[in-house]
Amino acid sequence: MAQVKKTEYFETDVHLCFDPDFIDCKHCPLLITYSRQTCGLTGELITNDKCVGNWCPFLDEVIEFQINHELKRIKGDEKK
C-alpha cells in the first residue's frame, strides 16, 4: 500500500467552558480516562485531577481568571 504524504493541514480554535468553581483537569472535556488519566491536548499524565496540569496551554489564563474570580468574591461583586 502506497503512503500519501500530507502537504496541508488546517488549524482551529477550541473553546472550553468551565464553572468558575471547578476549573481543573477533572472537569475538562479533553481529559482522557481509560487506564490512566491523560490530557488529550498535551499528552500529559494527570496524577492529580483536582488541579490544572503543568503543561496545560490554558494555565496562565486559568490562574488569572481564578485570581480575579476570588477578588470579586471577596469584595462581594459576584452575582449570585
PDB file of N, CA and C in Angstrom:
ATOM      1  N   MET A   1       0.842  -1.169   0.000  1.00  0.00           N
ATOM      2  CA  MET A   1       0.000   0.000   0.000  1.00  0.00           C
ATOM      3  C   MET A   1       0.896   1.244   0.000  1.00  0.00           C
ATOM      4  N   ALA A   2       0.647   2.133  -0.916  1.00  0.00           N
ATOM      5  CA  ALA A   2       1.438   3.359  -1.023  1.00  0.00           C
ATOM      6  C   ALA A   2       1.023   4.354   0.049  1.00  0.00           C
ATOM      7  N   GLN A   3       2.006   5.028   0.583  1.00  0.00           N
ATOM      8  CA  GLN A   3       1.718   6.044   1.592  1.00  0.00           C
ATOM      9  C   GLN A   3       1.660   7.408   0.932  1.00  0.00           C
ATOM     10  N   VAL A   4       0.666   8.176   1.308  1.00  0.00           N
ATOM     11  CA  VAL A   4       0.488   9.511   0.750  1.00  0.00           C
ATOM     12  C   VAL A   4       0.961  10.523   1.774  1.00  0.00           C
ATOM     13  N   LYS A   5       1.819  11.446   1.341  1.00  0.00           N
ATOM     14  CA  LYS A   5       2.287  12.494   2.247  1.00  0.00           C
ATOM     15  C   LYS A   5       1.281  13.631   2.261  1.00  0.00           C
ATOM     16  N   LYS A   6       0.982  14.089   3.463  1.00  0.00           N
ATOM     17  CA  LYS A   6       0.075  15.219   3.610  1.00  0.00           C
ATOM     18  C   LYS A   6       0.883  16.504   3.470  1.00  0.00           C
ATOM     19  N   THR A   7       0.401  17.405   2.662  1.00  0.00           N
ATOM     20  CA  THR A   7       1.123  18.660   2.457  1.00  0.00           C
ATOM     21  C   THR A   7       0.417  19.844   3.106  1.00  0.00           C
ATOM     22  N   GLU A   8      -0.860  19.679   3.419  1.00  0.00           N
ATOM     23  CA  GLU A   8      -1.598  20.780   4.015  1.00  0.00           C
ATOM     24  C   GLU A   8      -2.334  20.318   5.263  1.00  0.00           C
ATOM     25  N   TYR A   9      -2.384  21.209   6.240  1.00  0.00           N
ATOM     26  CA  TYR A   9      -3.125  20.973   7.470  1.00  0.00           C
ATOM     27  C   TYR A   9      -3.914  22.228   7.771  1.00  0.00           C
ATOM     28  N   PHE A  10      -4.920  22.110   8.583  1.00  0.00           N
ATOM     29  CA  PHE A  10      -5.649  23.305   8.999  1.00  0.00           C
ATOM     30  C   PHE A  10      -5.594  23.433  10.500  1.00  0.00           C
ATOM     31  N   GLU A  11      -5.732  24.650  10.978  1.00  0.00           N
ATOM     32  CA  GLU A  11      -5.674  24.937  12.405  1.00  0.00           C
ATOM     33  C   GLU A  11      -7.040  25.446  12.847  1.00  0.00           C
ATOM     34  N   THR A  12      -7.422  25.091  14.047  1.00  0.00           N
ATOM     35  CA  THR A  12      -8.711  25.527  14.567  1.00  0.00           C
ATOM     36  C   THR A  12      -8.560  25.940  16.021  1.00  0.00           C
ATOM     37  N   ASP A  13      -9.493  26.718  16.496  1.00  0.00           N
ATOM     38  CA  ASP A  13      -9.513  27.133  17.896  1.00  0.00           C
ATOM     39  C   ASP A  13     -10.520  26.280  18.647  1.00  0.00           C
ATOM     40  N   VAL A  14     -10.201  25.982  19.891  1.00  0.00           N
ATOM     41  CA  VAL A  14     -11.101  25.214  20.734  1.00  0.00           C
ATOM     42  C   VAL A  14     -11.556  26.109  21.874  1.00  0.00           C
ATOM     43  N   HIS A  15     -12.849  26.190  22.096  1.00  0.00           N
ATOM     44  CA  HIS A  15     -13.396  26.992  23.180  1.00  0.00           C
ATOM     45  C   HIS A  15     -13.931  26.049  24.249  1.00  0.00           C
ATOM     46  N   LEU A  16     -13.403  26.181  25.454  1.00  0.00           N
ATOM     47  CA  LEU A  16     -13.825  25.346  26.574  1.00  0.00           C
ATOM     48  C   LEU A  16     -14.514  26.218  27.608  1.00  0.00           C
ATOM     49  N   CYS A  17     -15.595  25.721  28.162  1.00  0.00           N
ATOM     50  CA  CYS A  17     -16.325  26.461  29.190  1.00  0.00           C
ATOM     51  C   CYS A  17     -16.257  25.679  30.493  1.00  0.00           C
ATOM     52  N   PHE A  18     -15.956  26.394  31.569  1.00  0.00           N
ATOM     53  CA  PHE A  18     -15.857  25.785  32.891  1.00  0.00           C
ATOM     54  C   PHE A  18     -16.708  26.562  33.876  1.00  0.00           C
ATOM     55  N   ASP A  19     -17.228  25.871  34.867  1.00  0.00           N
ATOM     56  CA  ASP A  19     -17.844  26.519  36.018  1.00  0.00           C
ATOM     57  C   ASP A  19     -16.700  27.185  36.774  1.00  0.00           C
ATOM     58  N   PRO A  20     -16.827  28.461  37.151  1.00  0.00           N
ATOM     59  CA  PRO A  20     -15.721  29.151  37.823  1.00  0.00           C
ATOM     60  C   PRO A  20     -15.221  28.453  39.090  1.00  0.00           C
ATOM     61  N   ASP A  21     -16.069  27.683  39.743  1.00  0.00           N
ATOM     62  CA  ASP A  21     -15.651  26.991  40.959  1.00  0.00           C
ATOM     63  C   ASP A  21     -14.998  25.633  40.686  1.00  0.00           C
ATOM     64  N   PHE A  22     -15.026  25.190  39.431  1.00  0.00           N
ATOM     65  CA  PHE A  22     -14.496  23.865  39.092  1.00  0.00           C
ATOM     66  C   PHE A  22     -13.609  23.931  37.858  1.00  0.00           C
ATOM     67  N   ILE A  23     -12.563  24.740  37.918  1.00  0.00           N
ATOM     68  CA  ILE A  23     -11.619  24.810  36.803  1.00  0.00           C
ATOM     69  C   ILE A  23     -10.455  23.892  37.151  1.00  0.00           C
ATOM     70  N   ASP A  24     -10.501  22.682  36.626  1.00  0.00           N
ATOM     71  CA  ASP A  24      -9.453  21.699  36.877  1.00  0.00           C
ATOM     72  C   ASP A  24      -9.521  20.625  35.794  1.00  0.00           C
ATOM     73  N   CYS A  25      -8.545  19.743  35.796  1.00  0.00           N
ATOM     74  CA  CYS A  25      -8.488  18.679  34.779  1.00  0.00           C
ATOM     75  C   CYS A  25      -9.686  17.740  34.865  1.00  0.00           C
ATOM     76  N   LYS A  26     -10.181  17.508  36.074  1.00  0.00           N
ATOM     77  CA  LYS A  26     -11.291  16.574  36.264  1.00  0.00           C
ATOM     78  C   LYS A  26     -12.530  17.000  35.474  1.00  0.00           C
ATOM     79  N   HIS A  27     -12.753  18.300  35.334  1.00  0.00           N
ATOM     80  CA  HIS A  27     -13.930  18.814  34.652  1.00  0.00           C
ATOM     81  C   HIS A  27     -13.646  19.257  33.209  1.00  0.00           C
ATOM     82  N   CYS A  28     -12.466  18.953  32.717  1.00  0.00           N
ATOM     83  CA  CYS A  28     -12.092  19.340  31.353  1.00  0.00           C
ATOM     84  C   CYS A  28     -12.551  18.272  30.361  1.00  0.00           C
ATOM     85  N   PRO A  29     -13.198  18.679  29.276  1.00  0.00           N
ATOM     86  CA  PRO A  29     -13.648  17.692  28.285  1.00  0.00           C
ATOM     87  C   PRO A  29     -12.501  17.035  27.513  1.00  0.00           C
ATOM     88  N   LEU A  30     -11.291  17.559  27.634  1.00  0.00           N
ATOM     89  CA  LEU A  30     -10.143  16.983  26.942  1.00  0.00           C
ATOM     90  C   LEU A  30      -9.448  15.890  27.750  1.00  0.00           C
ATOM     91  N   LEU A  31      -9.903  15.636  28.969  1.00  0.00           N
ATOM     92  CA  LEU A  31      -9.299  14.602  29.816  1.00  0.00           C
ATOM     93  C   LEU A  31      -9.686  13.216  29.297  1.00  0.00           C
ATOM     94  N   ILE A  32      -8.691  12.382  29.093  1.00  0.00           N
ATOM     95  CA  ILE A  32      -8.902  11.004  28.638  1.00  0.00           C
ATOM     96  C   ILE A  32      -8.737  10.098  29.854  1.00  0.00           C
ATOM     97  N   THR A  33      -9.736   9.274  30.116  1.00  0.00           N
ATOM     98  CA  THR A  33      -9.715   8.453  31.335  1.00  0.00           C
ATOM     99  C   THR A  33      -9.884   6.971  31.023  1.00  0.00           C
ATOM    100  N   TYR A  34      -8.983   6.406  30.252  1.00  0.00           N
ATOM    101  CA  TYR A  34      -9.065   4.964  30.008  1.00  0.00           C
ATOM    102  C   TYR A  34      -8.373   4.239  31.148  1.00  0.00           C
ATOM    103  N   SER A  35      -7.165   3.790  30.988  1.00  0.00           N
ATOM    104  CA  SER A  35      -6.470   3.120  32.086  1.00  0.00           C
ATOM    105  C   SER A  35      -5.752   4.132  32.974  1.00  0.00           C
ATOM    106  N   ARG A  36      -5.316   5.236  32.376  1.00  0.00           N
ATOM    107  CA  ARG A  36      -4.687   6.326  33.113  1.00  0.00           C
ATOM    108  C   ARG A  36      -5.305   7.632  32.654  1.00  0.00           C
ATOM    109  N   GLN A  37      -5.230   8.623  33.503  1.00  0.00           N
ATOM    110  CA  GLN A  37      -5.768   9.926  33.118  1.00  0.00           C
ATOM    111  C   GLN A  37      -4.685  10.710  32.386  1.00  0.00           C
ATOM    112  N   THR A  38      -4.983  11.079  31.148  1.00  0.00           N
ATOM    113  CA  THR A  38      -4.046  11.878  30.366  1.00  0.00           C
ATOM    114  C   THR A  38      -4.790  13.017  29.696  1.00  0.00           C
ATOM    115  N   CYS A  39      -4.045  14.075  29.404  1.00  0.00           N
ATOM    116  CA  CYS A  39      -4.619  15.216  28.706  1.00  0.00           C
ATOM    117  C   CYS A  39      -4.683  14.889  27.219  1.00  0.00           C
ATOM    118  N   GLY A  40      -5.839  15.073  26.625  1.00  0.00           N
ATOM    119  CA  GLY A  40      -5.998  14.812  25.208  1.00  0.00           C
ATOM    120  C   GLY A  40      -5.333  15.853  24.331  1.00  0.00           C
ATOM    121  N   LEU A  41      -4.967  16.994  24.901  1.00  0.00           N
ATOM    122  CA  LEU A  41      -4.332  18.058  24.132  1.00  0.00           C
ATOM    123  C   LEU A  41      -2.810  17.961  24.191  1.00  0.00           C
ATOM    124  N   THR A  42      -2.256  17.760  25.385  1.00  0.00           N
ATOM    125  CA  THR A  42      -0.798  17.768  25.548  1.00  0.00           C
ATOM    126  C   THR A  42      -0.193  16.383  25.731  1.00  0.00           C
ATOM    127  N   GLY A  43      -1.009  15.392  26.103  1.00  0.00           N
ATOM    128  CA  GLY A  43      -0.500  14.058  26.365  1.00  0.00           C
ATOM    129  C   GLY A  43       0.068  13.898  27.765  1.00  0.00           C
ATOM    130  N   GLU A  44      -0.046  14.943  28.592  1.00  0.00           N
ATOM    131  CA  GLU A  44       0.480  14.908  29.953  1.00  0.00           C
ATOM    132  C   GLU A  44      -0.272  13.874  30.794  1.00  0.00           C
ATOM    133  N   LEU A  45       0.465  13.114  31.579  1.00  0.00           N
ATOM    134  CA  LEU A  45      -0.128  12.178  32.522  1.00  0.00           C
ATOM    135  C   LEU A  45      -0.626  12.988  33.718  1.00  0.00           C
ATOM    136  N   ILE A  46      -1.906  12.908  34.007  1.00  0.00           N
ATOM    137  CA  ILE A  46      -2.525  13.694  35.075  1.00  0.00           C
ATOM    138  C   ILE A  46      -2.554  12.849  36.339  1.00  0.00           C
ATOM    139  N   THR A  47      -1.761  13.229  37.331  1.00  0.00           N
ATOM    140  CA  THR A  47      -1.712  12.480  38.583  1.00  0.00           C
ATOM    141  C   THR A  47      -2.687  13.034  39.610  1.00  0.00           C
ATOM    142  N   ASN A  48      -2.999  14.326  39.501  1.00  0.00           N
ATOM    143  CA  ASN A  48      -3.961  14.955  40.407  1.00  0.00           C
ATOM    144  C   ASN A  48      -4.967  15.708  39.549  1.00  0.00           C
ATOM    145  N   ASP A  49      -6.172  15.168  39.415  1.00  0.00           N
ATOM    146  CA  ASP A  49      -7.149  15.782  38.519  1.00  0.00           C
ATOM    147  C   ASP A  49      -7.910  16.946  39.158  1.00  0.00           C
ATOM    148  N   LYS A  50      -7.548  17.307  40.383  1.00  0.00           N
ATOM    149  CA  LYS A  50      -8.223  18.412  41.061  1.00  0.00           C
ATOM    150  C   LYS A  50      -7.479  19.733  40.881  1.00  0.00           C
ATOM    151  N   CYS A  51      -6.510  19.757  39.970  1.00  0.00           N
ATOM    152  CA  CYS A  51      -5.788  20.985  39.661  1.00  0.00           C
ATOM    153  C   CYS A  51      -5.579  21.040  38.147  1.00  0.00           C
ATOM    154  N   VAL A  52      -4.906  22.055  37.674  1.00  0.00           N
ATOM    155  CA  VAL A  52      -4.631  22.200  36.244  1.00  0.00           C
ATOM    156  C   VAL A  52      -3.243  21.642  35.971  1.00  0.00           C
ATOM    157  N   GLY A  53      -3.113  20.860  34.914  1.00  0.00           N
ATOM    158  CA  GLY A  53      -1.833  20.234  34.579  1.00  0.00           C
ATOM    159  C   GLY A  53      -0.737  21.253  34.295  1.00  0.00           C
ATOM    160  N   ASN A  54       0.504  20.837  34.523  1.00  0.00           N
ATOM    161  CA  ASN A  54       1.649  21.730  34.334  1.00  0.00           C
ATOM    162  C   ASN A  54       1.873  22.117  32.878  1.00  0.00           C
ATOM    163  N   TRP A  55       1.495  21.267  31.948  1.00  0.00           N
ATOM    164  CA  TRP A  55       1.705  21.538  30.533  1.00  0.00           C
ATOM    165  C   TRP A  55       0.480  22.175  29.876  1.00  0.00           C
ATOM    166  N   CYS A  56      -0.552  22.437  30.632  1.00  0.00           N
ATOM    167  CA  CYS A  56      -1.795  22.972  30.070  1.00  0.00           C
ATOM    168  C   CYS A  56      -1.543  24.326  29.410  1.00  0.00           C
ATOM    169  N   PRO A  57      -1.913  24.479  28.131  1.00  0.00           N
ATOM    170  CA  PRO A  57      -1.694  25.763  27.465  1.00  0.00           C
ATOM    171  C   PRO A  57      -2.604  26.867  28.005  1.00  0.00           C
ATOM    172  N   PHE A  58      -3.616  26.509  28.781  1.00  0.00           N
ATOM    173  CA  PHE A  58      -4.535  27.495  29.343  1.00  0.00           C
ATOM    174  C   PHE A  58      -4.156  27.892  30.764  1.00  0.00           C
ATOM    175  N   LEU A  59      -3.020  27.396  31.262  1.00  0.00           N
ATOM    176  CA  LEU A  59      -2.649  27.582  32.664  1.00  0.00           C
ATOM    177  C   LEU A  59      -2.586  29.049  33.074  1.00  0.00           C
ATOM    178  N   ASP A  60      -1.945  29.899  32.271  1.00  0.00           N
ATOM    179  CA  ASP A  60      -1.837  31.324  32.618  1.00  0.00           C
ATOM    180  C   ASP A  60      -3.216  31.982  32.667  1.00  0.00           C
ATOM    181  N   GLU A  61      -4.067  31.658  31.705  1.00  0.00           N
ATOM    182  CA  GLU A  61      -5.421  32.223  31.681  1.00  0.00           C
ATOM    183  C   GLU A  61      -6.227  31.743  32.889  1.00  0.00           C
ATOM    184  N   VAL A  62      -6.054  30.482  33.258  1.00  0.00           N
ATOM    185  CA  VAL A  62      -6.781  29.921  34.402  1.00  0.00           C
ATOM    186  C   VAL A  62      -6.368  30.625  35.683  1.00  0.00           C
ATOM    187  N   ILE A  63      -5.066  30.807  35.874  1.00  0.00           N
ATOM    188  CA  ILE A  63      -4.579  31.472  37.086  1.00  0.00           C
ATOM    189  C   ILE A  63      -5.117  32.893  37.163  1.00  0.00           C
ATOM    190  N   GLU A  64      -5.049  33.619  36.065  1.00  0.00           N
ATOM    191  CA  GLU A  64      -5.552  35.000  36.046  1.00  0.00           C
ATOM    192  C   GLU A  64      -7.053  35.041  36.332  1.00  0.00           C
ATOM    193  N   PHE A  65      -7.812  34.136  35.728  1.00  0.00           N
ATOM    194  CA  PHE A  65      -9.252  34.106  35.950  1.00  0.00           C
ATOM    195  C   PHE A  65      -9.579  33.780  37.405  1.00  0.00           C
ATOM    196  N   GLN A  66      -8.888  32.787  37.967  1.00  0.00           N
ATOM    197  CA  GLN A  66      -9.176  32.390  39.346  1.00  0.00           C
ATOM    198  C   GLN A  66      -8.848  33.511  40.335  1.00  0.00           C
ATOM    199  N   ILE A  67      -7.771  34.243  40.085  1.00  0.00           N
ATOM    200  CA  ILE A  67      -7.430  35.374  40.954  1.00  0.00           C
ATOM    201  C   ILE A  67      -8.520  36.428  40.881  1.00  0.00           C
ATOM    202  N   ASN A  68      -8.939  36.789  39.665  1.00  0.00           N
ATOM    203  CA  ASN A  68      -9.992  37.796  39.505  1.00  0.00           C
ATOM    204  C   ASN A  68     -11.315  37.328  40.102  1.00  0.00           C
ATOM    205  N   HIS A  69     -11.639  36.051  39.934  1.00  0.00           N
ATOM    206  CA  HIS A  69     -12.880  35.497  40.470  1.00  0.00           C
ATOM    207  C   HIS A  69     -12.878  35.549  41.998  1.00  0.00           C
ATOM    208  N   GLU A  70     -11.747  35.192  42.602  1.00  0.00           N
ATOM    209  CA  GLU A  70     -11.643  35.239  44.067  1.00  0.00           C
ATOM    210  C   GLU A  70     -11.736  36.666  44.584  1.00  0.00           C
ATOM    211  N   LEU A  71     -11.096  37.603  43.886  1.00  0.00           N
ATOM    212  CA  LEU A  71     -11.161  39.008  44.312  1.00  0.00           C
ATOM    213  C   LEU A  71     -12.597  39.525  44.258  1.00  0.00           C
ATOM    214  N   LYS A  72     -13.331  39.154  43.208  1.00  0.00           N
ATOM    215  CA  LYS A  72     -14.736  39.567  43.112  1.00  0.00           C
ATOM    216  C   LYS A  72     -15.555  38.948  44.242  1.00  0.00           C
ATOM    217  N   ARG A  73     -15.261  37.703  44.567  1.00  0.00           N
ATOM    218  CA  ARG A  73     -15.986  37.023  45.631  1.00  0.00           C
ATOM    219  C   ARG A  73     -15.714  37.696  46.978  1.00  0.00           C
ATOM    220  N   ILE A  74     -14.453  38.041  47.222  1.00  0.00           N
ATOM    221  CA  ILE A  74     -14.072  38.684  48.478  1.00  0.00           C
ATOM    222  C   ILE A  74     -14.717  40.071  48.606  1.00  0.00           C
ATOM    223  N   LYS A  75     -14.709  40.822  47.498  1.00  0.00           N
ATOM    224  CA  LYS A  75     -15.297  42.171  47.507  1.00  0.00           C
ATOM    225  C   LYS A  75     -16.820  42.131  47.537  1.00  0.00           C
ATOM    226  N   GLY A  76     -17.404  41.017  47.146  1.00  0.00           N
ATOM    227  CA  GLY A  76     -18.850  40.913  47.103  1.00  0.00           C
ATOM    228  C   GLY A  76     -19.449  41.354  45.791  1.00  0.00           C
ATOM    229  N   ASP A  77     -18.619  41.474  44.748  1.00  0.00           N
ATOM    230  CA  ASP A  77     -19.088  41.913  43.427  1.00  0.00           C
ATOM    231  C   ASP A  77     -19.689  40.787  42.604  1.00  0.00           C
ATOM    232  N   GLU A  78     -19.523  39.548  43.050  1.00  0.00           N
ATOM    233  CA  GLU A  78     -20.008  38.402  42.280  1.00  0.00           C
ATOM    234  C   GLU A  78     -21.527  38.342  42.300  1.00  0.00           C
ATOM    235  N   LYS A  79     -22.103  38.139  41.110  1.00  0.00           N
ATOM    236  CA  LYS A  79     -23.562  37.999  41.008  1.00  0.00           C
ATOM    237  C   LYS A  79     -23.956  36.614  41.457  1.00  0.00           C
ATOM    238  N   LYS A  80     -25.033  36.536  42.217  1.00  0.00           N
ATOM    239  CA  LYS A  80     -25.490  35.238  42.694  1.00  0.00           C
ATOM    240  C   LYS A  80     -26.673  34.760  41.905  1.00  0.00           C
TER     241      LYS A  80
END
